[in-house]
Amino acid sequence: MANRYDFRGSIAKITREGEVLHLVAEDDYKLRAMADMFRTKATKQGIQIQFFDFSTKIDDSLGGNLKQQIPIKQGISKEKGKEINIFIKDLNLKVHSQIQDNKVRVASKSKDDLQKTMKALQGKDFGIALQFGNYR
């Protein structure tokens, strides 16, 4: 950000505390530009934007600055878990799916069925970013 002409000599920073990103800038234009730059850089790094909740409100900070807290989304809500579970059951593949805390676990004896399930899940938009792990 220091290389951009509109941020020279101004307060503009992004920090991370736990599962929240803090954006601080002097005015609304710079804050929105920072959020846009963050989206662009995250996309270039292969990070899905759906992991971040940019809909949070912009607050006044000390010294006349503005700040925005952007939570990092983790896990799946119960409703989304049920929706994903029903979608998997409707595929009619030999897989077993179950909701565990904030995850949906899918198990099968056949790797091919698991791969078909993953492709089907990636092809459907659930409104959240999906990650896959533990491919056994």
C-alpha atoms as a PDB file:
ATOM      1  CA  MET A   1       0.000   0.000   0.000  1.00  0.00           C
ATOM      2  CA  ALA A   2       2.913   2.339   0.599  1.00  0.00           C
ATOM      3  CA  ASN A   3       3.619   2.390  -3.153  1.00  0.00           C
ATOM      4  CA  ARG A   4       0.229   3.798  -4.093  1.00  0.00           C
ATOM      5  CA  TYR A   5       0.111   7.542  -4.615  1.00  0.00           C
ATOM      6  CA  ASP A   6      -3.196   8.005  -2.762  1.00  0.00           C
ATOM      7  CA  PHE A   7      -1.871   6.318   0.402  1.00  0.00           C
ATOM      8  CA  ARG A   8       1.435   8.215   0.694  1.00  0.00           C
ATOM      9  CA  GLY A   9       1.752  10.077   3.967  1.00  0.00           C
ATOM     10  CA  SER A  10      -1.558   8.802   5.313  1.00  0.00           C
ATOM     11  CA  ILE A  11      -2.625   6.292   7.911  1.00  0.00           C
ATOM     12  CA  ALA A  12      -3.621   3.025   6.253  1.00  0.00           C
ATOM     13  CA  LYS A  13      -2.957  -0.373   7.776  1.00  0.00           C
ATOM     14  CA  ILE A  14      -4.302  -3.907   7.874  1.00  0.00           C
ATOM     15  CA  THR A  15      -3.672  -6.049  10.942  1.00  0.00           C
ATOM     16  CA  ARG A  16      -4.864  -9.468  12.021  1.00  0.00           C
ATOM     17  CA  GLU A  17      -5.854 -10.334  15.571  1.00  0.00           C
ATOM     18  CA  GLY A  18      -7.005 -13.911  15.928  1.00  0.00           C
ATOM     19  CA  GLU A  19      -9.824 -14.534  13.488  1.00  0.00           C
ATOM     20  CA  VAL A  20     -10.483 -10.863  12.644  1.00  0.00           C
ATOM     21  CA  LEU A  21      -8.814  -8.498  10.173  1.00  0.00           C
ATOM     22  CA  HIS A  22      -8.663  -4.825  11.220  1.00  0.00           C
ATOM     23  CA  LEU A  23      -8.557  -2.174   8.494  1.00  0.00           C
ATOM     24  CA  VAL A  24      -7.734   1.389   9.599  1.00  0.00           C
ATOM     25  CA  ALA A  25      -7.659   4.413   7.280  1.00  0.00           C
ATOM     26  CA  GLU A  26      -8.133   8.187   7.375  1.00  0.00           C
ATOM     27  CA  ASP A  27     -11.302   8.343   5.298  1.00  0.00           C
ATOM     28  CA  ASP A  28     -13.987   6.215   3.699  1.00  0.00           C
ATOM     29  CA  TYR A  29     -12.416   6.255   0.239  1.00  0.00           C
ATOM     30  CA  LYS A  30      -9.102   4.891   1.513  1.00  0.00           C
ATOM     31  CA  LEU A  31     -10.797   2.252   3.641  1.00  0.00           C
ATOM     32  CA  ARG A  32     -12.815   0.969   0.685  1.00  0.00           C
ATOM     33  CA  ALA A  33      -9.716   1.064  -1.540  1.00  0.00           C
ATOM     34  CA  MET A  34      -7.827  -0.997   1.049  1.00  0.00           C
ATOM     35  CA  ALA A  35     -10.625  -3.570   1.173  1.00  0.00           C
ATOM     36  CA  ASP A  36     -10.624  -3.733  -2.634  1.00  0.00           C
ATOM     37  CA  MET A  37      -6.832  -4.166  -2.708  1.00  0.00           C
ATOM     38  CA  PHE A  38      -7.103  -6.930  -0.107  1.00  0.00           C
ATOM     39  CA  ARG A  39      -9.734  -8.740  -2.201  1.00  0.00           C
ATOM     40  CA  THR A  40      -7.520  -8.495  -5.286  1.00  0.00           C
ATOM     41  CA  LYS A  41      -4.381  -9.729  -3.523  1.00  0.00           C
ATOM     42  CA  ALA A  42      -6.257 -12.575  -1.805  1.00  0.00           C
ATOM     43  CA  THR A  43      -7.709 -13.703  -5.127  1.00  0.00           C
ATOM     44  CA  LYS A  44      -4.249 -13.680  -6.712  1.00  0.00           C
ATOM     45  CA  GLN A  45      -2.995 -15.843  -3.834  1.00  0.00           C
ATOM     46  CA  GLY A  46      -5.806 -18.355  -4.433  1.00  0.00           C
ATOM     47  CA  ILE A  47      -7.763 -17.452  -1.287  1.00  0.00           C
ATOM     48  CA  GLN A  48     -11.508 -17.458  -1.773  1.00  0.00           C
ATOM     49  CA  ILE A  49     -13.137 -14.142  -0.860  1.00  0.00           C
ATOM     50  CA  GLN A  50     -16.103 -15.978   0.654  1.00  0.00           C
ATOM     51  CA  PHE A  51     -13.911 -16.715   3.702  1.00  0.00           C
ATOM     52  CA  PHE A  52     -14.182 -13.034   4.707  1.00  0.00           C
ATOM     53  CA  ASP A  53     -17.266 -11.096   5.818  1.00  0.00           C
ATOM     54  CA  PHE A  54     -16.901  -7.630   4.253  1.00  0.00           C
ATOM     55  CA  SER A  55     -20.477  -6.679   5.176  1.00  0.00           C
ATOM     56  CA  THR A  56     -19.502  -5.414   8.642  1.00  0.00           C
ATOM     57  CA  LYS A  57     -20.080  -1.739   9.349  1.00  0.00           C
ATOM     58  CA  ILE A  58     -17.416   0.950   9.319  1.00  0.00           C
ATOM     59  CA  ASP A  59     -16.771   2.540  12.730  1.00  0.00           C
ATOM     60  CA  ASP A  60     -15.075   5.732  13.861  1.00  0.00           C
ATOM     61  CA  SER A  61     -11.737   5.188  15.539  1.00  0.00           C
ATOM     62  CA  LEU A  62      -9.586   7.377  17.756  1.00  0.00           C
ATOM     63  CA  GLY A  63      -7.934  10.327  16.058  1.00  0.00           C
ATOM     64  CA  GLY A  64     -10.645  10.790  13.434  1.00  0.00           C
ATOM     65  CA  ASN A  65      -9.760   7.601  11.576  1.00  0.00           C
ATOM     66  CA  LEU A  66     -12.165   4.960  10.340  1.00  0.00           C
ATOM     67  CA  LYS A  67     -11.873   1.259  11.024  1.00  0.00           C
ATOM     68  CA  GLN A  68     -13.572  -1.882   9.834  1.00  0.00           C
ATOM     69  CA  GLN A  69     -13.375  -5.308  11.407  1.00  0.00           C
ATOM     70  CA  ILE A  70     -13.604  -8.169   8.918  1.00  0.00           C
ATOM     71  CA  PRO A  71     -14.215 -11.556  10.551  1.00  0.00           C
ATOM     72  CA  ILE A  72     -12.712 -14.658   8.970  1.00  0.00           C
ATOM     73  CA  LYS A  73     -15.458 -17.233   8.498  1.00  0.00           C
ATOM     74  CA  GLN A  74     -14.716 -20.722   9.730  1.00  0.00           C
ATOM     75  CA  GLY A  75     -16.870 -23.792   9.658  1.00  0.00           C
ATOM     76  CA  ILE A  76     -20.342 -24.423   8.321  1.00  0.00           C
ATOM     77  CA  SER A  77     -23.581 -23.374   9.998  1.00  0.00           C
ATOM     78  CA  LYS A  78     -26.126 -26.069  10.878  1.00  0.00           C
ATOM     79  CA  GLU A  79     -28.461 -24.916   8.089  1.00  0.00           C
ATOM     80  CA  LYS A  80     -25.726 -25.026   5.435  1.00  0.00           C
ATOM     81  CA  GLY A  81     -24.594 -28.394   6.772  1.00  0.00           C
ATOM     82  CA  LYS A  82     -28.092 -29.792   6.342  1.00  0.00           C
ATOM     83  CA  GLU A  83     -28.338 -28.317   2.843  1.00  0.00           C
ATOM     84  CA  ILE A  84     -25.008 -29.895   1.844  1.00  0.00           C
ATOM     85  CA  ASN A  85     -25.998 -33.204   3.443  1.00  0.00           C
ATOM     86  CA  ILE A  86     -29.283 -33.318   1.490  1.00  0.00           C
ATOM     87  CA  PHE A  87     -27.433 -32.439  -1.740  1.00  0.00           C
ATOM     88  CA  ILE A  88     -24.984 -35.315  -1.177  1.00  0.00           C
ATOM     89  CA  LYS A  89     -27.807 -37.770  -0.452  1.00  0.00           C
ATOM     90  CA  ASP A  90     -29.576 -36.690  -3.675  1.00  0.00           C
ATOM     91  CA  LEU A  91     -26.485 -37.613  -5.726  1.00  0.00           C
ATOM     92  CA  ASN A  92     -27.317 -41.305  -5.174  1.00  0.00           C
ATOM     93  CA  LEU A  93     -23.672 -42.299  -4.820  1.00  0.00           C
ATOM     94  CA  LYS A  94     -22.443 -44.861  -2.321  1.00  0.00           C
ATOM     95  CA  VAL A  95     -21.217 -42.289   0.186  1.00  0.00           C
ATOM     96  CA  HIS A  96     -22.171 -41.596   3.783  1.00  0.00           C
ATOM     97  CA  SER A  97     -22.359 -37.980   4.905  1.00  0.00           C
ATOM     98  CA  GLN A  98     -22.769 -36.673   8.421  1.00  0.00           C
ATOM     99  CA  ILE A  99     -22.549 -33.313  10.145  1.00  0.00           C
ATOM    100  CA  GLN A 100     -19.802 -33.031  12.772  1.00  0.00           C
ATOM    101  CA  ASP A 101     -19.697 -29.718  14.647  1.00  0.00           C
ATOM    102  CA  ASN A 102     -18.916 -27.197  11.903  1.00  0.00           C
ATOM    103  CA  LYS A 103     -17.924 -29.752   9.243  1.00  0.00           C
ATOM    104  CA  VAL A 104     -19.627 -32.215   6.950  1.00  0.00           C
ATOM    105  CA  ARG A 105     -17.863 -35.562   6.875  1.00  0.00           C
ATOM    106  CA  VAL A 106     -18.222 -37.751   3.806  1.00  0.00           C
ATOM    107  CA  ALA A 107     -17.002 -41.353   3.839  1.00  0.00           C
ATOM    108  CA  SER A 108     -17.003 -44.082   1.227  1.00  0.00           C
ATOM    109  CA  LYS A 109     -15.155 -47.252   0.310  1.00  0.00           C
ATOM    110  CA  SER A 110     -14.740 -45.991  -3.245  1.00  0.00           C
ATOM    111  CA  LYS A 111     -12.337 -43.139  -3.980  1.00  0.00           C
ATOM    112  CA  ASP A 112     -14.129 -42.581  -7.281  1.00  0.00           C
ATOM    113  CA  ASP A 113     -17.421 -41.885  -5.492  1.00  0.00           C
ATOM    114  CA  LEU A 114     -15.661 -39.444  -3.163  1.00  0.00           C
ATOM    115  CA  GLN A 115     -14.105 -37.641  -6.126  1.00  0.00           C
ATOM    116  CA  LYS A 116     -17.483 -37.454  -7.887  1.00  0.00           C
ATOM    117  CA  THR A 117     -18.990 -36.025  -4.705  1.00  0.00           C
ATOM    118  CA  MET A 118     -16.221 -33.411  -4.458  1.00  0.00           C
ATOM    119  CA  LYS A 119     -16.714 -32.377  -8.098  1.00  0.00           C
ATOM    120  CA  ALA A 120     -20.482 -32.088  -7.577  1.00  0.00           C
ATOM    121  CA  LEU A 121     -19.986 -29.976  -4.427  1.00  0.00           C
ATOM    122  CA  GLN A 122     -17.524 -27.690  -6.221  1.00  0.00           C
ATOM    123  CA  GLY A 123     -19.970 -27.279  -9.093  1.00  0.00           C
ATOM    124  CA  LYS A 124     -22.851 -26.133  -6.888  1.00  0.00           C
ATOM    125  CA  ASP A 125     -22.839 -22.704  -5.234  1.00  0.00           C
ATOM    126  CA  PHE A 126     -23.792 -22.937  -1.560  1.00  0.00           C
ATOM    127  CA  GLY A 127     -22.895 -19.313  -0.833  1.00  0.00           C
ATOM    128  CA  ILE A 128     -19.886 -20.344   1.250  1.00  0.00           C
ATOM    129  CA  ALA A 129     -16.330 -21.351   0.443  1.00  0.00           C
ATOM    130  CA  LEU A 130     -15.737 -25.090   0.639  1.00  0.00           C
ATOM    131  CA  GLN A 131     -12.519 -26.810   1.635  1.00  0.00           C
ATOM    132  CA  PHE A 132     -11.708 -30.479   1.398  1.00  0.00           C
ATOM    133  CA  GLY A 133      -9.302 -32.307   3.664  1.00  0.00           C
ATOM    134  CA  ASN A 134      -8.165 -35.747   4.808  1.00  0.00           C
ATOM    135  CA  TYR A 135      -8.484 -37.621   1.528  1.00  0.00           C
ATOM    136  CA  ARG A 136      -8.378 -41.230   2.688  1.00  0.00           C
END
